[in-house]
Structure formats: structure tokens, C-alpha cells
Amino acid sequence: MYNIAVMGDRDSIYGFGALGLATFPVSDEKDAARLFKKLSGGDYAIIYITEKLAQALEEEIEKVRENPVPAVILIPGISGNTGKGMESVKKSVEIAVGSDIIFND
């Protein structure tokens, strides 16, 4: 059985614990890289990660995205939305559908 993990700064992710998700607060980029590697090679089918933290782990995330599991989904943190999450979803849709289906006027 797969689990769901949430990584990011404590203030951004603590609410996910109430939903039964495994939360992993991190503040140091080195610790975050090690933890991400551990989670992505383990029992987690989905890893939610704050957009700010994802910027520091871009290379590691791209390596994992080549595999069907785990799915890495970017979420905004308390510092706000950087647009990186929506960009990631758009890219995934383009790959799956073969075309951009999100129109920006």
C-alpha cells in the first residue's frame, strides 16, 4: 500500500497531518535533498512539495518525474504562489495530451 507525503516548511504543511498525510518539515536544502531521495525511493506514491522547496530540488524532482511513481505535485506555501505548480501541471498535460489545453488570454 502506497502512502502520501508532504514536504516543505512547517507552517505550510502542518495542516496536511490532520488529513492523515505524512508530513516532513524541512528547512535545510541538504536535508531536503536527502529526504526527497529517501521518500521517492520508498512507499510513497504521491509527494506534495512546496513550490519554494521545489526550486531547491529541481534536479532531483526532474529525475523522479521520469518514473510513474511517485507523482510529485507542487503546492503553494505560506509565502504565496510562485506559479511553478501550475507550470508543472501544464507541462504534464501537454505531455499526456500532446497539446496545450490551458489557454491564457
PDB file of N, CA and C in Angstrom:
ATOM      1  N   MET A   1       0.843  -1.180   0.000  1.00  0.00           N
ATOM      2  CA  MET A   1       0.000   0.000   0.000  1.00  0.00           C
ATOM      3  C   MET A   1       0.887   1.242   0.000  1.00  0.00           C
ATOM      4  N   TYR A   2       0.572   2.133  -0.904  1.00  0.00           N
ATOM      5  CA  TYR A   2       1.338   3.371  -1.005  1.00  0.00           C
ATOM      6  C   TYR A   2       0.810   4.430  -0.039  1.00  0.00           C
ATOM      7  N   ASN A   3       1.683   5.360   0.305  1.00  0.00           N
ATOM      8  CA  ASN A   3       1.344   6.463   1.186  1.00  0.00           C
ATOM      9  C   ASN A   3       1.509   7.778   0.449  1.00  0.00           C
ATOM     10  N   ILE A   4       1.100   8.869   1.112  1.00  0.00           N
ATOM     11  CA  ILE A   4       1.235  10.218   0.558  1.00  0.00           C
ATOM     12  C   ILE A   4       2.082  11.034   1.519  1.00  0.00           C
ATOM     13  N   ALA A   5       3.097  11.726   0.975  1.00  0.00           N
ATOM     14  CA  ALA A   5       3.994  12.553   1.781  1.00  0.00           C
ATOM     15  C   ALA A   5       3.828  14.020   1.396  1.00  0.00           C
ATOM     16  N   VAL A   6       4.103  14.881   2.354  1.00  0.00           N
ATOM     17  CA  VAL A   6       4.088  16.325   2.121  1.00  0.00           C
ATOM     18  C   VAL A   6       5.381  16.895   2.693  1.00  0.00           C
ATOM     19  N   MET A   7       6.138  17.601   1.847  1.00  0.00           N
ATOM     20  CA  MET A   7       7.408  18.211   2.255  1.00  0.00           C
ATOM     21  C   MET A   7       7.330  19.721   2.126  1.00  0.00           C
ATOM     22  N   GLY A   8       7.957  20.415   3.048  1.00  0.00           N
ATOM     23  CA  GLY A   8       8.034  21.866   2.969  1.00  0.00           C
ATOM     24  C   GLY A   8       8.297  22.452   4.341  1.00  0.00           C
ATOM     25  N   ASP A   9       8.176  23.769   4.431  1.00  0.00           N
ATOM     26  CA  ASP A   9       8.378  24.408   5.728  1.00  0.00           C
ATOM     27  C   ASP A   9       7.196  24.052   6.639  1.00  0.00           C
ATOM     28  N   ARG A  10       7.462  23.998   7.917  1.00  0.00           N
ATOM     29  CA  ARG A  10       6.492  23.533   8.912  1.00  0.00           C
ATOM     30  C   ARG A  10       5.156  24.277   8.816  1.00  0.00           C
ATOM     31  N   ASP A  11       5.193  25.591   8.698  1.00  0.00           N
ATOM     32  CA  ASP A  11       3.956  26.375   8.679  1.00  0.00           C
ATOM     33  C   ASP A  11       3.092  26.066   7.455  1.00  0.00           C
ATOM     34  N   SER A  12       3.709  25.695   6.353  1.00  0.00           N
ATOM     35  CA  SER A  12       2.958  25.419   5.129  1.00  0.00           C
ATOM     36  C   SER A  12       2.325  24.039   5.109  1.00  0.00           C
ATOM     37  N   ILE A  13       2.902  23.087   5.841  1.00  0.00           N
ATOM     38  CA  ILE A  13       2.440  21.703   5.696  1.00  0.00           C
ATOM     39  C   ILE A  13       1.757  21.108   6.911  1.00  0.00           C
ATOM     40  N   TYR A  14       1.767  21.787   8.057  1.00  0.00           N
ATOM     41  CA  TYR A  14       1.261  21.137   9.269  1.00  0.00           C
ATOM     42  C   TYR A  14      -0.206  20.738   9.167  1.00  0.00           C
ATOM     43  N   GLY A  15      -1.005  21.444   8.409  1.00  0.00           N
ATOM     44  CA  GLY A  15      -2.417  21.121   8.264  1.00  0.00           C
ATOM     45  C   GLY A  15      -2.667  19.799   7.549  1.00  0.00           C
ATOM     46  N   PHE A  16      -1.744  19.373   6.725  1.00  0.00           N
ATOM     47  CA  PHE A  16      -1.908  18.126   5.990  1.00  0.00           C
ATOM     48  C   PHE A  16      -1.882  16.907   6.915  1.00  0.00           C
ATOM     49  N   GLY A  17      -1.253  17.048   8.052  1.00  0.00           N
ATOM     50  CA  GLY A  17      -1.215  15.957   9.021  1.00  0.00           C
ATOM     51  C   GLY A  17      -2.608  15.609   9.522  1.00  0.00           C
ATOM     52  N   ALA A  18      -3.473  16.624   9.642  1.00  0.00           N
ATOM     53  CA  ALA A  18      -4.846  16.389  10.086  1.00  0.00           C
ATOM     54  C   ALA A  18      -5.631  15.559   9.080  1.00  0.00           C
ATOM     55  N   LEU A  19      -5.173  15.540   7.832  1.00  0.00           N
ATOM     56  CA  LEU A  19      -5.823  14.751   6.788  1.00  0.00           C
ATOM     57  C   LEU A  19      -5.272  13.327   6.718  1.00  0.00           C
ATOM     58  N   GLY A  20      -4.313  13.041   7.565  1.00  0.00           N
ATOM     59  CA  GLY A  20      -3.734  11.700   7.595  1.00  0.00           C
ATOM     60  C   GLY A  20      -2.525  11.526   6.686  1.00  0.00           C
ATOM     61  N   LEU A  21      -2.028  12.621   6.133  1.00  0.00           N
ATOM     62  CA  LEU A  21      -0.849  12.539   5.272  1.00  0.00           C
ATOM     63  C   LEU A  21       0.420  12.611   6.121  1.00  0.00           C
ATOM     64  N   ALA A  22       1.475  11.985   5.659  1.00  0.00           N
ATOM     65  CA  ALA A  22       2.760  12.020   6.358  1.00  0.00           C
ATOM     66  C   ALA A  22       3.444  13.346   6.040  1.00  0.00           C
ATOM     67  N   THR A  23       3.703  14.139   7.053  1.00  0.00           N
ATOM     68  CA  THR A  23       4.331  15.443   6.849  1.00  0.00           C
ATOM     69  C   THR A  23       5.808  15.390   7.221  1.00  0.00           C
ATOM     70  N   PHE A  24       6.608  16.065   6.413  1.00  0.00           N
ATOM     71  CA  PHE A  24       8.053  16.100   6.613  1.00  0.00           C
ATOM     72  C   PHE A  24       8.529  17.543   6.524  1.00  0.00           C
ATOM     73  N   PRO A  25       8.532  18.251   7.663  1.00  0.00           N
ATOM     74  CA  PRO A  25       9.010  19.631   7.640  1.00  0.00           C
ATOM     75  C   PRO A  25      10.529  19.677   7.455  1.00  0.00           C
ATOM     76  N   VAL A  26      10.979  20.515   6.549  1.00  0.00           N
ATOM     77  CA  VAL A  26      12.414  20.680   6.308  1.00  0.00           C
ATOM     78  C   VAL A  26      12.731  22.158   6.134  1.00  0.00           C
ATOM     79  N   SER A  27      13.921  22.529   6.546  1.00  0.00           N
ATOM     80  CA  SER A  27      14.348  23.918   6.383  1.00  0.00           C
ATOM     81  C   SER A  27      15.701  24.001   5.688  1.00  0.00           C
ATOM     82  N   ASP A  28      16.478  22.948   5.751  1.00  0.00           N
ATOM     83  CA  ASP A  28      17.809  22.916   5.149  1.00  0.00           C
ATOM     84  C   ASP A  28      17.756  22.197   3.805  1.00  0.00           C
ATOM     85  N   GLU A  29      18.370  22.782   2.774  1.00  0.00           N
ATOM     86  CA  GLU A  29      18.315  22.199   1.431  1.00  0.00           C
ATOM     87  C   GLU A  29      19.012  20.839   1.346  1.00  0.00           C
ATOM     88  N   LYS A  30      20.113  20.659   2.066  1.00  0.00           N
ATOM     89  CA  LYS A  30      20.804  19.365   2.042  1.00  0.00           C
ATOM     90  C   LYS A  30      19.936  18.281   2.658  1.00  0.00           C
ATOM     91  N   ASP A  31      19.328  18.604   3.800  1.00  0.00           N
ATOM     92  CA  ASP A  31      18.427  17.638   4.446  1.00  0.00           C
ATOM     93  C   ASP A  31      17.235  17.344   3.541  1.00  0.00           C
ATOM     94  N   ALA A  32      16.744  18.379   2.869  1.00  0.00           N
ATOM     95  CA  ALA A  32      15.595  18.208   1.973  1.00  0.00           C
ATOM     96  C   ALA A  32      15.943  17.284   0.816  1.00  0.00           C
ATOM     97  N   ALA A  33      17.129  17.430   0.253  1.00  0.00           N
ATOM     98  CA  ALA A  33      17.548  16.581  -0.872  1.00  0.00           C
ATOM     99  C   ALA A  33      17.652  15.124  -0.432  1.00  0.00           C
ATOM    100  N   ARG A  34      18.236  14.893   0.734  1.00  0.00           N
ATOM    101  CA  ARG A  34      18.341  13.526   1.252  1.00  0.00           C
ATOM    102  C   ARG A  34      16.962  12.924   1.535  1.00  0.00           C
ATOM    103  N   LEU A  35      16.114  13.705   2.158  1.00  0.00           N
ATOM    104  CA  LEU A  35      14.773  13.237   2.476  1.00  0.00           C
ATOM    105  C   LEU A  35      13.976  12.947   1.204  1.00  0.00           C
ATOM    106  N   PHE A  36      14.071  13.831   0.208  1.00  0.00           N
ATOM    107  CA  PHE A  36      13.338  13.621  -1.044  1.00  0.00           C
ATOM    108  C   PHE A  36      13.789  12.331  -1.723  1.00  0.00           C
ATOM    109  N   LYS A  37      15.083  12.107  -1.725  1.00  0.00           N
ATOM    110  CA  LYS A  37      15.615  10.876  -2.319  1.00  0.00           C
ATOM    111  C   LYS A  37      15.072   9.648  -1.591  1.00  0.00           C
ATOM    112  N   LYS A  38      15.032   9.720  -0.266  1.00  0.00           N
ATOM    113  CA  LYS A  38      14.520   8.606   0.536  1.00  0.00           C
ATOM    114  C   LYS A  38      13.027   8.379   0.263  1.00  0.00           C
ATOM    115  N   LEU A  39      12.242   9.442   0.257  1.00  0.00           N
ATOM    116  CA  LEU A  39      10.796   9.316   0.041  1.00  0.00           C
ATOM    117  C   LEU A  39      10.469   8.821  -1.364  1.00  0.00           C
ATOM    118  N   SER A  40      11.209   9.319  -2.351  1.00  0.00           N
ATOM    119  CA  SER A  40      10.909   8.951  -3.738  1.00  0.00           C
ATOM    120  C   SER A  40      11.307   7.512  -4.051  1.00  0.00           C
ATOM    121  N   GLY A  41      12.141   6.920  -3.227  1.00  0.00           N
ATOM    122  CA  GLY A  41      12.538   5.531  -3.438  1.00  0.00           C
ATOM    123  C   GLY A  41      11.819   4.565  -2.525  1.00  0.00           C
ATOM    124  N   GLY A  42      10.834   5.068  -1.791  1.00  0.00           N
ATOM    125  CA  GLY A  42      10.163   4.246  -0.790  1.00  0.00           C
ATOM    126  C   GLY A  42       8.718   3.932  -1.101  1.00  0.00           C
ATOM    127  N   ASP A  43       7.894   4.020  -0.078  1.00  0.00           N
ATOM    128  CA  ASP A  43       6.498   3.601  -0.152  1.00  0.00           C
ATOM    129  C   ASP A  43       5.533   4.746  -0.451  1.00  0.00           C
ATOM    130  N   TYR A  44       5.994   5.805  -1.069  1.00  0.00           N
ATOM    131  CA  TYR A  44       5.144   6.967  -1.319  1.00  0.00           C
ATOM    132  C   TYR A  44       4.794   7.074  -2.803  1.00  0.00           C
ATOM    133  N   ALA A  45       3.490   7.065  -3.092  1.00  0.00           N
ATOM    134  CA  ALA A  45       3.014   7.175  -4.471  1.00  0.00           C
ATOM    135  C   ALA A  45       2.876   8.628  -4.880  1.00  0.00           C
ATOM    136  N   ILE A  46       2.641   9.497  -3.903  1.00  0.00           N
ATOM    137  CA  ILE A  46       2.483  10.927  -4.166  1.00  0.00           C
ATOM    138  C   ILE A  46       3.325  11.696  -3.167  1.00  0.00           C
ATOM    139  N   ILE A  47       4.067  12.665  -3.676  1.00  0.00           N
ATOM    140  CA  ILE A  47       4.835  13.556  -2.809  1.00  0.00           C
ATOM    141  C   ILE A  47       4.423  14.980  -3.147  1.00  0.00           C
ATOM    142  N   TYR A  48       3.735  15.626  -2.218  1.00  0.00           N
ATOM    143  CA  TYR A  48       3.435  17.046  -2.349  1.00  0.00           C
ATOM    144  C   TYR A  48       4.639  17.794  -1.808  1.00  0.00           C
ATOM    145  N   ILE A  49       5.038  18.832  -2.516  1.00  0.00           N
ATOM    146  CA  ILE A  49       6.195  19.609  -2.079  1.00  0.00           C
ATOM    147  C   ILE A  49       5.923  21.086  -2.347  1.00  0.00           C
ATOM    148  N   THR A  50       6.276  21.938  -1.392  1.00  0.00           N
ATOM    149  CA  THR A  50       6.020  23.362  -1.572  1.00  0.00           C
ATOM    150  C   THR A  50       6.857  23.895  -2.738  1.00  0.00           C
ATOM    151  N   GLU A  51       6.288  24.865  -3.432  1.00  0.00           N
ATOM    152  CA  GLU A  51       6.962  25.427  -4.605  1.00  0.00           C
ATOM    153  C   GLU A  51       8.335  25.987  -4.251  1.00  0.00           C
ATOM    154  N   LYS A  52       8.431  26.643  -3.111  1.00  0.00           N
ATOM    155  CA  LYS A  52       9.714  27.230  -2.699  1.00  0.00           C
ATOM    156  C   LYS A  52      10.773  26.142  -2.509  1.00  0.00           C
ATOM    157  N   LEU A  53      10.419  25.057  -1.842  1.00  0.00           N
ATOM    158  CA  LEU A  53      11.361  23.962  -1.634  1.00  0.00           C
ATOM    159  C   LEU A  53      11.683  23.275  -2.956  1.00  0.00           C
ATOM    160  N   ALA A  54      10.703  23.164  -3.820  1.00  0.00           N
ATOM    161  CA  ALA A  54      10.909  22.510  -5.113  1.00  0.00           C
ATOM    162  C   ALA A  54      11.954  23.240  -5.962  1.00  0.00           C
ATOM    163  N   GLN A  55      12.050  24.541  -5.807  1.00  0.00           N
ATOM    164  CA  GLN A  55      13.066  25.302  -6.544  1.00  0.00           C
ATOM    165  C   GLN A  55      14.465  24.829  -6.186  1.00  0.00           C
ATOM    166  N   ALA A  56      14.674  24.470  -4.937  1.00  0.00           N
ATOM    167  CA  ALA A  56      15.980  24.000  -4.480  1.00  0.00           C
ATOM    168  C   ALA A  56      16.243  22.555  -4.900  1.00  0.00           C
ATOM    169  N   LEU A  57      15.193  21.822  -5.248  1.00  0.00           N
ATOM    170  CA  LEU A  57      15.330  20.394  -5.578  1.00  0.00           C
ATOM    171  C   LEU A  57      14.982  20.090  -7.034  1.00  0.00           C
ATOM    172  N   GLU A  58      15.091  21.071  -7.895  1.00  0.00           N
ATOM    173  CA  GLU A  58      14.667  20.900  -9.295  1.00  0.00           C
ATOM    174  C   GLU A  58      15.300  19.696  -9.982  1.00  0.00           C
ATOM    175  N   GLU A  59      16.601  19.504  -9.825  1.00  0.00           N
ATOM    176  CA  GLU A  59      17.280  18.390 -10.494  1.00  0.00           C
ATOM    177  C   GLU A  59      16.772  17.050  -9.995  1.00  0.00           C
ATOM    178  N   GLU A  60      16.619  16.915  -8.684  1.00  0.00           N
ATOM    179  CA  GLU A  60      16.141  15.668  -8.103  1.00  0.00           C
ATOM    180  C   GLU A  60      14.710  15.366  -8.541  1.00  0.00           C
ATOM    181  N   ILE A  61      13.887  16.405  -8.595  1.00  0.00           N
ATOM    182  CA  ILE A  61      12.489  16.227  -8.998  1.00  0.00           C
ATOM    183  C   ILE A  61      12.401  15.795 -10.455  1.00  0.00           C
ATOM    184  N   GLU A  62      13.201  16.390 -11.322  1.00  0.00           N
ATOM    185  CA  GLU A  62      13.169  16.023 -12.744  1.00  0.00           C
ATOM    186  C   GLU A  62      13.563  14.563 -12.960  1.00  0.00           C
ATOM    187  N   LYS A  63      14.510  14.073 -12.188  1.00  0.00           N
ATOM    188  CA  LYS A  63      14.911  12.666 -12.292  1.00  0.00           C
ATOM    189  C   LYS A  63      13.758  11.740 -11.923  1.00  0.00           C
ATOM    190  N   VAL A  64      13.018  12.103 -10.883  1.00  0.00           N
ATOM    191  CA  VAL A  64      11.915  11.277 -10.398  1.00  0.00           C
ATOM    192  C   VAL A  64      10.723  11.336 -11.352  1.00  0.00           C
ATOM    193  N   ARG A  65      10.516  12.453 -12.013  1.00  0.00           N
ATOM    194  CA  ARG A  65       9.365  12.613 -12.916  1.00  0.00           C
ATOM    195  C   ARG A  65       9.417  11.664 -14.107  1.00  0.00           C
ATOM    196  N   GLU A  66      10.558  11.086 -14.376  1.00  0.00           N
ATOM    197  CA  GLU A  66      10.676  10.130 -15.475  1.00  0.00           C
ATOM    198  C   GLU A  66       9.976   8.815 -15.145  1.00  0.00           C
ATOM    199  N   ASN A  67       9.707   8.573 -13.866  1.00  0.00           N
ATOM    200  CA  ASN A  67       9.064   7.342 -13.413  1.00  0.00           C
ATOM    201  C   ASN A  67       7.587   7.598 -13.114  1.00  0.00           C
ATOM    202  N   PRO A  68       6.759   6.568 -13.266  1.00  0.00           N
ATOM    203  CA  PRO A  68       5.335   6.766 -12.980  1.00  0.00           C
ATOM    204  C   PRO A  68       5.025   6.965 -11.487  1.00  0.00           C
ATOM    205  N   VAL A  69       5.850   6.413 -10.622  1.00  0.00           N
ATOM    206  CA  VAL A  69       5.649   6.550  -9.175  1.00  0.00           C
ATOM    207  C   VAL A  69       6.964   6.945  -8.550  1.00  0.00           C
ATOM    208  N   PRO A  70       7.008   7.946  -7.732  1.00  0.00           N
ATOM    209  CA  PRO A  70       5.897   8.714  -7.200  1.00  0.00           C
ATOM    210  C   PRO A  70       5.550   9.903  -8.098  1.00  0.00           C
ATOM    211  N   ALA A  71       4.315  10.364  -7.971  1.00  0.00           N
ATOM    212  CA  ALA A  71       3.908  11.615  -8.608  1.00  0.00           C
ATOM    213  C   ALA A  71       4.354  12.742  -7.688  1.00  0.00           C
ATOM    214  N   VAL A  72       5.019  13.730  -8.246  1.00  0.00           N
ATOM    215  CA  VAL A  72       5.464  14.886  -7.464  1.00  0.00           C
ATOM    216  C   VAL A  72       4.582  16.062  -7.841  1.00  0.00           C
ATOM    217  N   ILE A  73       3.886  16.600  -6.853  1.00  0.00           N
ATOM    218  CA  ILE A  73       2.941  17.681  -7.090  1.00  0.00           C
ATOM    219  C   ILE A  73       3.353  18.884  -6.270  1.00  0.00           C
ATOM    220  N   LEU A  74       3.533  20.017  -6.956  1.00  0.00           N
ATOM    221  CA  LEU A  74       3.944  21.245  -6.278  1.00  0.00           C
ATOM    222  C   LEU A  74       2.729  21.968  -5.729  1.00  0.00           C
ATOM    223  N   ILE A  75       2.857  22.463  -4.505  1.00  0.00           N
ATOM    224  CA  ILE A  75       1.789  23.202  -3.844  1.00  0.00           C
ATOM    225  C   ILE A  75       2.328  24.539  -3.364  1.00  0.00           C
ATOM    226  N   PRO A  76       1.480  25.570  -3.314  1.00  0.00           N
ATOM    227  CA  PRO A  76       1.956  26.845  -2.769  1.00  0.00           C
ATOM    228  C   PRO A  76       2.183  26.739  -1.277  1.00  0.00           C
ATOM    229  N   GLY A  77       3.111  27.510  -0.787  1.00  0.00           N
ATOM    230  CA  GLY A  77       3.374  27.556   0.649  1.00  0.00           C
ATOM    231  C   GLY A  77       2.785  28.815   1.246  1.00  0.00           C
ATOM    232  N   ILE A  78       3.114  29.077   2.495  1.00  0.00           N
ATOM    233  CA  ILE A  78       2.576  30.265   3.151  1.00  0.00           C
ATOM    234  C   ILE A  78       3.141  31.553   2.556  1.00  0.00           C
ATOM    235  N   SER A  79       4.272  31.445   1.874  1.00  0.00           N
ATOM    236  CA  SER A  79       4.870  32.635   1.269  1.00  0.00           C
ATOM    237  C   SER A  79       4.185  33.015  -0.040  1.00  0.00           C
ATOM    238  N   GLY A  80       3.230  32.190  -0.510  1.00  0.00           N
ATOM    239  CA  GLY A  80       2.478  32.529  -1.709  1.00  0.00           C
ATOM    240  C   GLY A  80       2.738  31.575  -2.856  1.00  0.00           C
ATOM    241  N   ASN A  81       2.061  31.858  -3.941  1.00  0.00           N
ATOM    242  CA  ASN A  81       2.116  31.036  -5.141  1.00  0.00           C
ATOM    243  C   ASN A  81       3.137  31.618  -6.116  1.00  0.00           C
ATOM    244  N   THR A  82       4.078  30.814  -6.545  1.00  0.00           N
ATOM    245  CA  THR A  82       5.081  31.283  -7.496  1.00  0.00           C
ATOM    246  C   THR A  82       4.685  30.986  -8.939  1.00  0.00           C
ATOM    247  N   GLY A  83       3.644  30.182  -9.124  1.00  0.00           N
ATOM    248  CA  GLY A  83       3.223  29.792 -10.470  1.00  0.00           C
ATOM    249  C   GLY A  83       3.911  28.535 -10.960  1.00  0.00           C
ATOM    250  N   LYS A  84       4.882  28.058 -10.217  1.00  0.00           N
ATOM    251  CA  LYS A  84       5.642  26.873 -10.615  1.00  0.00           C
ATOM    252  C   LYS A  84       4.760  25.621 -10.641  1.00  0.00           C
ATOM    253  N   GLY A  85       3.827  25.521  -9.697  1.00  0.00           N
ATOM    254  CA  GLY A  85       2.931  24.375  -9.646  1.00  0.00           C
ATOM    255  C   GLY A  85       2.042  24.304 -10.873  1.00  0.00           C
ATOM    256  N   MET A  86       1.460  25.432 -11.262  1.00  0.00           N
ATOM    257  CA  MET A  86       0.600  25.465 -12.442  1.00  0.00           C
ATOM    258  C   MET A  86       1.405  25.178 -13.706  1.00  0.00           C
ATOM    259  N   GLU A  87       2.615  25.670 -13.751  1.00  0.00           N
ATOM    260  CA  GLU A  87       3.502  25.402 -14.889  1.00  0.00           C
ATOM    261  C   GLU A  87       3.782  23.902 -14.999  1.00  0.00           C
ATOM    262  N   SER A  88       3.981  23.255 -13.862  1.00  0.00           N
ATOM    263  CA  SER A  88       4.243  21.825 -13.834  1.00  0.00           C
ATOM    264  C   SER A  88       3.041  21.022 -14.311  1.00  0.00           C
ATOM    265  N   VAL A  89       1.844  21.413 -13.853  1.00  0.00           N
ATOM    266  CA  VAL A  89       0.621  20.734 -14.297  1.00  0.00           C
ATOM    267  C   VAL A  89       0.431  20.921 -15.791  1.00  0.00           C
ATOM    268  N   LYS A  90       0.650  22.122 -16.271  1.00  0.00           N
ATOM    269  CA  LYS A  90       0.509  22.423 -17.702  1.00  0.00           C
ATOM    270  C   LYS A  90       1.452  21.557 -18.533  1.00  0.00           C
ATOM    271  N   LYS A  91       2.693  21.424 -18.072  1.00  0.00           N
ATOM    272  CA  LYS A  91       3.686  20.608 -18.770  1.00  0.00           C
ATOM    273  C   LYS A  91       3.253  19.144 -18.812  1.00  0.00           C
ATOM    274  N   SER A  92       2.730  18.638 -17.697  1.00  0.00           N
ATOM    275  CA  SER A  92       2.271  17.249 -17.638  1.00  0.00           C
ATOM    276  C   SER A  92       1.097  17.014 -18.587  1.00  0.00           C
ATOM    277  N   VAL A  93       0.181  17.972 -18.650  1.00  0.00           N
ATOM    278  CA  VAL A  93      -0.970  17.854 -19.554  1.00  0.00           C
ATOM    279  C   VAL A  93      -0.509  17.869 -21.006  1.00  0.00           C
ATOM    280  N   GLU A  94       0.436  18.731 -21.325  1.00  0.00           N
ATOM    281  CA  GLU A  94       0.956  18.789 -22.692  1.00  0.00           C
ATOM    282  C   GLU A  94       1.577  17.456 -23.098  1.00  0.00           C
ATOM    283  N   ILE A  95       2.291  16.842 -22.196  1.00  0.00           N
ATOM    284  CA  ILE A  95       2.914  15.548 -22.486  1.00  0.00           C
ATOM    285  C   ILE A  95       1.838  14.482 -22.672  1.00  0.00           C
ATOM    286  N   ALA A  96       0.850  14.469 -21.792  1.00  0.00           N
ATOM    287  CA  ALA A  96      -0.191  13.437 -21.844  1.00  0.00           C
ATOM    288  C   ALA A  96      -1.115  13.599 -23.044  1.00  0.00           C
ATOM    289  N   VAL A  97      -1.494  14.830 -23.346  1.00  0.00           N
ATOM    290  CA  VAL A  97      -2.481  15.091 -24.393  1.00  0.00           C
ATOM    291  C   VAL A  97      -1.816  15.401 -25.733  1.00  0.00           C
ATOM    292  N   GLY A  98      -0.615  15.934 -25.678  1.00  0.00           N
ATOM    293  CA  GLY A  98       0.082  16.292 -26.907  1.00  0.00           C
ATOM    294  C   GLY A  98      -0.191  17.710 -27.349  1.00  0.00           C
ATOM    295  N   SER A  99      -0.875  18.487 -26.503  1.00  0.00           N
ATOM    296  CA  SER A  99      -1.219  19.850 -26.856  1.00  0.00           C
ATOM    297  C   SER A  99      -1.482  20.642 -25.591  1.00  0.00           C
ATOM    298  N   ASP A 100      -1.335  21.952 -25.691  1.00  0.00           N
ATOM    299  CA  ASP A 100      -1.649  22.844 -24.574  1.00  0.00           C
ATOM    300  C   ASP A 100      -3.154  23.036 -24.544  1.00  0.00           C
ATOM    301  N   ILE A 101      -3.796  22.639 -23.453  1.00  0.00           N
ATOM    302  CA  ILE A 101      -5.240  22.812 -23.359  1.00  0.00           C
ATOM    303  C   ILE A 101      -5.625  23.945 -22.425  1.00  0.00           C
ATOM    304  N   ILE A 102      -4.636  24.581 -21.817  1.00  0.00           N
ATOM    305  CA  ILE A 102      -4.890  25.702 -20.925  1.00  0.00           C
ATOM    306  C   ILE A 102      -4.596  26.985 -21.706  1.00  0.00           C
ATOM    307  N   PHE A 103      -5.620  27.758 -21.942  1.00  0.00           N
ATOM    308  CA  PHE A 103      -5.477  28.976 -22.730  1.00  0.00           C
ATOM    309  C   PHE A 103      -5.394  30.180 -21.819  1.00  0.00           C
ATOM    310  N   ASN A 104      -4.395  30.994 -22.022  1.00  0.00           N
ATOM    311  CA  ASN A 104      -4.248  32.248 -21.263  1.00  0.00           C
ATOM    312  C   ASN A 104      -4.552  33.401 -22.198  1.00  0.00           C
ATOM    313  N   ASP A 105      -5.593  34.149 -21.853  1.00  0.00           N
ATOM    314  CA  ASP A 105      -5.954  35.308 -22.689  1.00  0.00           C
ATOM    315  C   ASP A 105      -5.293  36.553 -22.217  1.00  0.00           C
TER     316      ASP A 105
END
